[in-house]
Amino acid sequence: MKNISITIDHPVLLNKLIKAVHKYYPIGFNLRNDLYDGFLEATQIARNKVIQLHENSIPAPRIEFEKQLKAYFNGFVVFNDFHTEYPSFSFSIVLDRNDSIYFEKELLFTVKISLLTNHYTFFYQEYVKHKDVLHSTGHPYNTTIISLKSQVEKNKIANTHQITQMMTNCFPEYEYANHALLFSTMIKYGVLYGEEDAYAKNDNSLYAFLFDNQTYISLLVVE
């Protein structure tokens, strides 16, 4: 039921991630998410995340990690998504914004930490709105590039070793998962968190099940 290929490079990591998807989603079964005990558990995890924000009881490791990120990216805007009801949390740093008559560009560095599995990932997100290239609807054409290397700002490459060390210090039980592996490994016949069955796709990535169900337009994932 899974459209995946476990390679010799990542068999252990892939098995951990796939088991997490099966634990929280009724993959491959004709069963609504809300009738599956694992998904109800995931829902409660997401609710607790928001409750912690409202009750000012965010776990200390998350606060410390954000503090270290802000110190490392001193002078840049750092924001989190503690307010979103999804079983993960993330931090994004706005590294650059550029607006011209031809395009708008935004460069982010993002760290995603799953609450459904003890794994995290990080990558650059480069959003480009092409003002001079329009769809048939008349709207600008958008591109999103996700990579470990900035394609735009070579002088603003984050020290990934430093980010990994911060994660180890604050979340010692967590393991790194490469973004390309997460985006390219597809799971068939499952409905993502927050989506309705009627609008579900036939397959979705490990990333969408465990880290974020955001829809990317014209997505390009590179190493």
Protein backbone atom coordinates (compact mmCIF):
# COMPACT_ATOMS: atom_id res chain seq x y z
CA MET A 1 0.00 0.00 0.00
CA LYS A 2 3.04 2.30 0.20
CA ASN A 3 4.73 3.83 -2.85
CA ILE A 4 8.21 3.82 -1.35
CA SER A 5 11.64 2.41 -1.94
CA ILE A 6 13.80 1.73 1.10
CA THR A 7 17.41 2.19 0.03
CA ILE A 8 20.50 0.87 1.72
CA ASP A 9 21.37 4.43 2.81
CA HIS A 10 18.29 5.09 4.99
CA PRO A 11 16.52 1.81 5.91
CA VAL A 12 16.43 2.36 9.68
CA LEU A 13 15.36 6.01 9.47
CA LEU A 14 12.69 5.27 6.87
CA ASN A 15 11.25 2.44 8.93
CA LYS A 16 10.99 4.72 11.99
CA LEU A 17 9.20 7.42 9.99
CA ILE A 18 6.83 5.00 8.27
CA LYS A 19 5.93 3.36 11.60
CA ALA A 20 5.07 6.80 12.96
CA VAL A 21 2.73 7.45 10.02
CA HIS A 22 1.01 4.10 10.59
CA LYS A 23 0.70 4.79 14.31
CA TYR A 24 -1.23 8.02 13.82
CA TYR A 25 -3.00 7.56 10.45
CA PRO A 26 -5.16 4.66 9.15
CA ILE A 27 -2.99 4.29 6.05
CA GLY A 28 -4.32 1.84 3.48
CA PHE A 29 -7.66 1.30 5.24
CA ASN A 30 -11.10 2.58 4.28
CA LEU A 31 -11.45 4.33 7.62
CA ARG A 32 -11.93 7.97 8.49
CA ASN A 33 -9.16 9.58 10.50
CA ASP A 34 -11.51 10.50 13.34
CA LEU A 35 -12.39 6.82 13.83
CA TYR A 36 -8.77 5.81 14.34
CA ASP A 37 -7.36 5.83 17.88
CA GLY A 38 -3.92 6.88 16.70
CA PHE A 39 -5.28 9.91 14.90
CA LEU A 40 -7.30 10.93 17.96
CA GLU A 41 -4.02 10.83 19.88
CA ALA A 42 -2.38 13.06 17.24
CA THR A 43 -5.30 15.48 17.54
CA GLN A 44 -4.82 15.72 21.29
CA ILE A 45 -1.08 16.32 20.82
CA ALA A 46 -1.87 19.23 18.50
CA ARG A 47 -4.45 20.65 20.91
CA ASN A 48 -2.02 20.43 23.82
CA LYS A 49 0.49 22.43 21.81
CA VAL A 50 -1.98 25.34 21.50
CA ILE A 51 -3.15 25.00 25.11
CA GLN A 52 0.45 25.30 26.28
CA LEU A 53 0.71 28.61 24.42
CA HIS A 54 -2.52 29.97 25.90
CA GLU A 55 -1.58 28.84 29.42
CA ASN A 56 1.99 30.13 29.09
CA SER A 57 3.31 26.64 29.75
CA ILE A 58 5.42 26.05 26.63
CA PRO A 59 8.02 23.35 27.43
CA ALA A 60 11.38 24.77 28.44
CA PRO A 61 13.38 23.07 25.63
CA ARG A 62 11.30 24.86 22.97
CA ILE A 63 11.81 28.22 24.66
CA GLU A 64 15.55 27.60 25.02
CA PHE A 65 15.90 26.49 21.39
CA GLU A 66 14.15 29.63 20.16
CA LYS A 67 16.40 31.73 22.41
CA GLN A 68 19.50 30.11 20.92
CA LEU A 69 18.19 30.56 17.37
CA LYS A 70 17.55 34.26 17.96
CA ALA A 71 21.05 34.66 19.36
CA TYR A 72 22.58 32.84 16.39
CA PHE A 73 20.51 34.77 13.82
CA ASN A 74 20.98 38.07 15.61
CA GLY A 75 19.54 40.93 13.55
CA PHE A 76 17.09 38.73 11.62
CA VAL A 77 13.38 38.15 12.25
CA VAL A 78 12.70 34.76 13.90
CA PHE A 79 9.11 33.52 14.25
CA ASN A 80 7.45 30.29 15.43
CA ASP A 81 4.15 28.53 14.76
CA PHE A 82 3.16 27.63 18.34
CA HIS A 83 -0.34 28.97 17.61
CA THR A 84 -1.14 26.48 14.83
CA GLU A 85 -3.09 23.33 15.69
CA TYR A 86 -0.81 20.83 13.97
CA PRO A 87 1.28 18.11 15.70
CA SER A 88 4.64 19.74 15.00
CA PHE A 89 6.28 23.06 15.63
CA SER A 90 8.68 25.14 13.62
CA PHE A 91 10.91 28.18 13.60
CA SER A 92 11.58 30.30 10.53
CA ILE A 93 14.15 33.01 10.04
CA VAL A 94 13.60 35.69 7.40
CA LEU A 95 17.04 36.08 5.82
CA ASP A 96 16.20 38.25 2.83
CA ARG A 97 13.36 39.99 0.98
CA ASN A 98 13.72 41.50 -2.47
CA ASP A 99 11.09 43.23 -4.59
CA SER A 100 11.63 44.41 -8.17
CA ILE A 101 9.48 45.09 -11.22
CA TYR A 102 10.05 41.50 -12.36
CA PHE A 103 9.74 39.42 -9.20
CA GLU A 104 9.32 39.25 -5.45
CA LYS A 105 11.69 36.98 -3.50
CA GLU A 106 11.77 35.84 0.11
CA LEU A 107 14.45 33.65 1.65
CA LEU A 108 13.72 31.74 4.86
CA PHE A 109 15.65 29.24 6.91
CA THR A 110 13.21 26.87 8.61
CA VAL A 111 13.55 24.24 11.34
CA LYS A 112 10.68 21.73 11.60
CA ILE A 113 10.26 19.50 14.67
CA SER A 114 7.63 16.75 14.64
CA LEU A 115 5.53 15.90 17.68
CA LEU A 116 4.53 12.55 16.16
CA THR A 117 8.06 11.19 15.94
CA ASN A 118 11.40 12.14 17.48
CA HIS A 119 12.74 13.64 14.27
CA TYR A 120 13.50 17.10 12.98
CA THR A 121 14.58 18.64 9.70
CA PHE A 122 15.76 22.02 8.43
CA PHE A 123 16.13 23.70 5.05
CA TYR A 124 16.02 26.94 3.10
CA GLN A 125 12.74 28.03 1.54
CA GLU A 126 13.06 30.43 -1.36
CA TYR A 127 9.76 31.85 -2.57
CA VAL A 128 9.75 33.60 -5.93
CA LYS A 129 6.75 35.41 -7.42
CA HIS A 130 7.40 36.06 -11.13
CA LYS A 131 5.55 39.27 -11.91
CA ASP A 132 6.40 39.08 -15.62
CA VAL A 133 5.24 35.45 -16.00
CA LEU A 134 1.48 35.04 -15.66
CA HIS A 135 -0.90 32.07 -15.56
CA SER A 136 -3.86 31.98 -17.92
CA THR A 137 -5.87 33.36 -14.99
CA GLY A 138 -3.70 36.48 -15.01
CA HIS A 139 -2.03 35.72 -11.65
CA PRO A 140 1.77 35.72 -11.30
CA TYR A 141 3.62 32.40 -11.51
CA ASN A 142 5.13 31.30 -8.17
CA THR A 143 8.07 29.00 -7.46
CA THR A 144 9.21 27.49 -4.14
CA ILE A 145 12.70 26.01 -3.83
CA ILE A 146 13.55 23.90 -0.77
CA SER A 147 17.21 23.11 -0.26
CA LEU A 148 20.06 22.82 2.23
CA LYS A 149 21.94 25.44 0.23
CA SER A 150 20.64 28.90 -0.53
CA GLN A 151 20.36 29.43 -4.28
CA VAL A 152 20.10 33.20 -3.86
CA GLU A 153 22.15 34.43 -0.90
CA LYS A 154 25.44 32.51 -0.83
CA ASN A 155 26.75 34.75 1.95
CA LYS A 156 23.90 33.86 4.27
CA ILE A 157 24.33 30.11 4.47
CA ALA A 158 23.34 28.90 7.93
CA ASN A 159 25.86 26.79 9.80
CA THR A 160 23.91 23.52 9.78
CA HIS A 161 26.40 21.98 12.21
CA GLN A 162 25.56 24.74 14.67
CA ILE A 163 21.81 24.16 14.23
CA THR A 164 22.32 20.44 14.79
CA GLN A 165 24.27 21.17 17.98
CA MET A 166 21.43 23.39 19.26
CA MET A 167 18.97 20.56 18.62
CA THR A 168 21.20 18.07 20.42
CA ASN A 169 21.47 20.40 23.41
CA CYS A 170 17.72 21.14 23.65
CA PHE A 171 16.20 17.92 22.28
CA PRO A 172 18.74 15.12 22.85
CA GLU A 173 16.16 12.43 22.05
CA TYR A 174 15.60 13.79 18.53
CA GLU A 175 17.22 12.57 15.30
CA TYR A 176 17.80 14.49 12.07
CA ALA A 177 15.85 13.52 8.92
CA ASN A 178 16.96 14.92 5.58
CA HIS A 179 14.37 17.15 3.90
CA ALA A 180 14.83 15.52 0.48
CA LEU A 181 14.07 12.06 1.93
CA LEU A 182 10.96 13.41 3.68
CA PHE A 183 9.59 15.15 0.59
CA SER A 184 10.39 12.38 -1.89
CA THR A 185 9.07 9.36 0.07
CA MET A 186 5.38 9.04 -0.74
CA ILE A 187 2.68 7.18 1.20
CA LYS A 188 -0.46 6.10 -0.64
CA TYR A 189 -4.09 6.17 0.51
CA GLY A 190 -4.03 8.40 3.55
CA VAL A 191 -5.68 11.66 4.57
CA LEU A 192 -3.45 14.35 6.03
CA TYR A 193 -4.07 16.05 9.34
CA GLY A 194 -6.55 18.87 8.84
CA GLU A 195 -7.80 17.66 5.45
CA GLU A 196 -11.16 16.16 4.50
CA ASP A 197 -11.49 12.80 2.75
CA ALA A 198 -13.23 14.36 -0.24
CA TYR A 199 -10.21 16.52 -1.00
CA ALA A 200 -7.51 13.97 -0.21
CA LYS A 201 -4.80 13.15 -2.75
CA ASN A 202 -3.89 9.57 -3.62
CA ASP A 203 -0.44 9.96 -2.10
CA ASN A 204 1.36 12.36 0.19
CA SER A 205 4.90 12.71 1.44
CA LEU A 206 6.29 11.65 4.80
CA TYR A 207 6.90 15.34 5.40
CA ALA A 208 3.20 16.17 4.94
CA PHE A 209 2.11 13.44 7.37
CA LEU A 210 4.61 14.17 10.13
CA PHE A 211 5.87 17.76 9.82
CA ASP A 212 3.54 20.09 7.93
CA ASN A 213 0.59 19.78 5.54
CA GLN A 214 1.24 23.12 3.86
CA THR A 215 0.57 23.16 0.12
CA TYR A 216 3.57 24.35 -1.90
CA ILE A 217 2.94 25.78 -5.37
CA SER A 218 5.44 24.80 -8.09
CA LEU A 219 7.67 23.09 -5.51
CA LEU A 220 11.25 22.19 -6.37
CA VAL A 221 13.13 20.12 -3.76
CA VAL A 222 16.90 19.89 -4.13
CA GLU A 223 19.72 18.72 -1.86
